[in-house]
N, C-alpha and C. Protein backbone atom coordinates (compact mmCIF):
# COMPACT_ATOMS: atom_id res chain seq x y z
N MET A 1 0.84 -1.18 0.00
CA MET A 1 0.00 0.00 0.00
C MET A 1 0.89 1.25 0.00
N ALA A 2 0.37 2.29 -0.61
CA ALA A 2 1.11 3.55 -0.69
C ALA A 2 0.23 4.69 -0.21
N ASP A 3 0.75 5.46 0.72
CA ASP A 3 0.03 6.64 1.20
C ASP A 3 0.28 7.81 0.27
N VAL A 4 -0.76 8.55 -0.03
CA VAL A 4 -0.64 9.81 -0.76
C VAL A 4 -0.71 10.91 0.29
N ARG A 5 0.34 11.72 0.35
CA ARG A 5 0.46 12.74 1.40
C ARG A 5 0.33 14.14 0.83
N SER A 6 -0.08 15.06 1.67
CA SER A 6 -0.24 16.45 1.27
C SER A 6 1.13 17.08 1.03
N PRO A 7 1.32 17.73 -0.13
CA PRO A 7 2.61 18.37 -0.41
C PRO A 7 2.80 19.67 0.36
N MET A 8 1.72 20.23 0.91
CA MET A 8 1.79 21.49 1.65
C MET A 8 0.52 21.67 2.47
N ALA A 9 0.54 22.64 3.36
CA ALA A 9 -0.66 22.95 4.14
C ALA A 9 -1.69 23.62 3.23
N GLY A 10 -2.95 23.31 3.46
CA GLY A 10 -4.02 23.90 2.65
C GLY A 10 -5.36 23.33 3.03
N THR A 11 -6.31 23.45 2.12
CA THR A 11 -7.67 22.96 2.33
C THR A 11 -8.05 22.08 1.15
N ILE A 12 -8.71 20.95 1.42
CA ILE A 12 -9.17 20.07 0.36
C ILE A 12 -10.30 20.78 -0.38
N LEU A 13 -10.05 21.13 -1.64
CA LEU A 13 -11.04 21.85 -2.43
C LEU A 13 -12.01 20.88 -3.09
N GLU A 14 -11.47 19.76 -3.63
CA GLU A 14 -12.32 18.80 -4.33
C GLU A 14 -11.66 17.43 -4.37
N LEU A 15 -12.42 16.40 -4.03
CA LEU A 15 -11.96 15.01 -4.19
C LEU A 15 -12.38 14.54 -5.58
N LEU A 16 -11.46 13.97 -6.32
CA LEU A 16 -11.74 13.54 -7.69
C LEU A 16 -11.88 12.03 -7.82
N VAL A 17 -11.66 11.30 -6.72
CA VAL A 17 -11.76 9.84 -6.72
C VAL A 17 -12.60 9.38 -5.54
N ALA A 18 -13.01 8.12 -5.59
CA ALA A 18 -13.76 7.50 -4.49
C ALA A 18 -13.09 6.18 -4.15
N THR A 19 -13.38 5.66 -2.97
CA THR A 19 -12.85 4.36 -2.57
C THR A 19 -13.24 3.31 -3.60
N GLY A 20 -12.26 2.51 -4.01
CA GLY A 20 -12.50 1.46 -5.00
C GLY A 20 -12.15 1.85 -6.42
N ASP A 21 -11.93 3.15 -6.67
CA ASP A 21 -11.56 3.61 -8.02
C ASP A 21 -10.16 3.12 -8.37
N SER A 22 -9.97 2.75 -9.63
CA SER A 22 -8.64 2.42 -10.16
C SER A 22 -8.01 3.69 -10.71
N VAL A 23 -6.73 3.90 -10.39
CA VAL A 23 -6.02 5.08 -10.87
C VAL A 23 -4.69 4.65 -11.48
N SER A 24 -4.19 5.47 -12.39
CA SER A 24 -2.90 5.25 -13.02
C SER A 24 -1.93 6.32 -12.55
N GLU A 25 -0.65 6.05 -12.70
CA GLU A 25 0.37 7.04 -12.36
C GLU A 25 0.07 8.35 -13.09
N GLY A 26 0.09 9.46 -12.36
CA GLY A 26 -0.16 10.77 -12.96
C GLY A 26 -1.60 11.23 -12.93
N ASP A 27 -2.54 10.33 -12.59
CA ASP A 27 -3.95 10.74 -12.49
C ASP A 27 -4.13 11.73 -11.33
N GLU A 28 -4.98 12.73 -11.54
CA GLU A 28 -5.29 13.67 -10.46
C GLU A 28 -6.25 13.01 -9.48
N LEU A 29 -5.91 13.08 -8.20
CA LEU A 29 -6.71 12.45 -7.15
C LEU A 29 -7.59 13.46 -6.41
N LEU A 30 -7.05 14.65 -6.21
CA LEU A 30 -7.79 15.70 -5.52
C LEU A 30 -7.16 17.04 -5.83
N ILE A 31 -7.88 18.09 -5.48
CA ILE A 31 -7.39 19.45 -5.65
C ILE A 31 -7.24 20.06 -4.26
N LEU A 32 -6.05 20.57 -3.99
CA LEU A 32 -5.73 21.21 -2.72
C LEU A 32 -5.66 22.72 -2.96
N GLU A 33 -6.27 23.50 -2.11
CA GLU A 33 -6.18 24.96 -2.22
C GLU A 33 -5.22 25.46 -1.15
N SER A 34 -4.22 26.22 -1.60
CA SER A 34 -3.24 26.78 -0.68
C SER A 34 -2.83 28.16 -1.19
N MET A 35 -2.89 29.14 -0.33
CA MET A 35 -2.53 30.52 -0.69
C MET A 35 -3.29 30.98 -1.94
N LYS A 36 -4.58 30.64 -2.01
CA LYS A 36 -5.49 31.00 -3.10
C LYS A 36 -5.09 30.40 -4.44
N MET A 37 -4.26 29.34 -4.41
CA MET A 37 -3.89 28.61 -5.62
C MET A 37 -4.48 27.21 -5.53
N GLU A 38 -4.86 26.65 -6.68
CA GLU A 38 -5.36 25.28 -6.74
C GLU A 38 -4.22 24.37 -7.17
N ILE A 39 -3.90 23.40 -6.32
CA ILE A 39 -2.78 22.49 -6.57
C ILE A 39 -3.33 21.08 -6.74
N PRO A 40 -3.17 20.48 -7.94
CA PRO A 40 -3.61 19.10 -8.12
C PRO A 40 -2.64 18.14 -7.42
N VAL A 41 -3.19 17.14 -6.75
CA VAL A 41 -2.38 16.09 -6.14
C VAL A 41 -2.56 14.85 -7.01
N GLU A 42 -1.44 14.34 -7.55
CA GLU A 42 -1.47 13.24 -8.52
C GLU A 42 -0.98 11.94 -7.90
N ALA A 43 -1.41 10.84 -8.49
CA ALA A 43 -0.95 9.52 -8.07
C ALA A 43 0.50 9.33 -8.52
N GLU A 44 1.36 8.92 -7.61
CA GLU A 44 2.76 8.66 -7.95
C GLU A 44 2.93 7.25 -8.52
N GLU A 45 1.90 6.42 -8.36
CA GLU A 45 1.90 5.06 -8.92
C GLU A 45 0.45 4.65 -9.15
N GLY A 46 0.27 3.64 -9.96
CA GLY A 46 -1.07 3.14 -10.23
C GLY A 46 -1.56 2.25 -9.09
N GLY A 47 -2.87 2.05 -9.03
CA GLY A 47 -3.44 1.18 -8.02
C GLY A 47 -4.92 1.44 -7.85
N THR A 48 -5.45 0.96 -6.74
CA THR A 48 -6.86 1.14 -6.40
C THR A 48 -6.94 1.95 -5.12
N VAL A 49 -7.87 2.89 -5.07
CA VAL A 49 -8.05 3.72 -3.87
C VAL A 49 -8.61 2.82 -2.76
N ALA A 50 -7.78 2.57 -1.74
CA ALA A 50 -8.18 1.69 -0.63
C ALA A 50 -8.95 2.46 0.44
N SER A 51 -8.51 3.69 0.72
CA SER A 51 -9.20 4.49 1.73
C SER A 51 -8.92 5.97 1.49
N ILE A 52 -9.85 6.79 1.94
CA ILE A 52 -9.71 8.24 1.83
C ILE A 52 -9.75 8.80 3.24
N ALA A 53 -8.70 9.54 3.60
CA ALA A 53 -8.56 10.04 4.98
C ALA A 53 -8.89 11.52 5.11
N CYS A 54 -9.51 12.10 4.09
CA CYS A 54 -9.85 13.52 4.14
C CYS A 54 -11.20 13.73 3.48
N GLU A 55 -11.74 14.92 3.65
CA GLU A 55 -13.02 15.25 3.00
C GLU A 55 -12.96 16.68 2.50
N GLN A 56 -13.84 16.99 1.58
CA GLN A 56 -13.89 18.32 0.99
C GLN A 56 -14.07 19.37 2.08
N GLY A 57 -13.27 20.44 2.00
CA GLY A 57 -13.35 21.52 2.97
C GLY A 57 -12.46 21.35 4.19
N GLN A 58 -11.83 20.18 4.31
CA GLN A 58 -11.00 19.89 5.48
C GLN A 58 -9.63 20.55 5.35
N PRO A 59 -9.17 21.25 6.40
CA PRO A 59 -7.80 21.77 6.38
C PRO A 59 -6.81 20.62 6.62
N VAL A 60 -5.68 20.66 5.93
CA VAL A 60 -4.64 19.64 6.10
C VAL A 60 -3.29 20.33 6.26
N GLN A 61 -2.37 19.63 6.86
CA GLN A 61 -1.01 20.12 7.04
C GLN A 61 -0.07 19.38 6.08
N GLU A 62 1.09 19.95 5.85
CA GLU A 62 2.08 19.29 5.00
C GLU A 62 2.37 17.89 5.56
N ASP A 63 2.42 16.91 4.68
CA ASP A 63 2.74 15.51 4.97
C ASP A 63 1.60 14.73 5.62
N ASP A 64 0.40 15.31 5.77
CA ASP A 64 -0.76 14.54 6.24
C ASP A 64 -1.11 13.48 5.20
N VAL A 65 -1.54 12.30 5.65
CA VAL A 65 -2.01 11.26 4.73
C VAL A 65 -3.39 11.67 4.22
N LEU A 66 -3.54 11.73 2.90
CA LEU A 66 -4.81 12.12 2.28
C LEU A 66 -5.61 10.91 1.85
N LEU A 67 -4.93 9.93 1.27
CA LEU A 67 -5.59 8.68 0.89
C LEU A 67 -4.55 7.60 0.72
N THR A 68 -5.02 6.37 0.60
CA THR A 68 -4.13 5.22 0.48
C THR A 68 -4.48 4.44 -0.78
N LEU A 69 -3.44 4.08 -1.54
CA LEU A 69 -3.60 3.24 -2.73
C LEU A 69 -3.08 1.85 -2.42
N GLU A 70 -3.71 0.85 -3.02
CA GLU A 70 -3.19 -0.52 -2.87
C GLU A 70 -3.01 -1.14 -4.23
């Protein structure tokens, strides 16, 4: 399993995947808003979304686990 972590502090603007979705390397998983910029968070490897540890509107800190791929 691989954890997808927040690259910086911000707020979850939009989740683009759901538990059970298959993703490929480079697919956008969610949009993080930080300093009024929208930052896409991409999959570093392919897999299936095993769990989502955040929700839309939630503030996150750098290195927080956002979701897990298996």
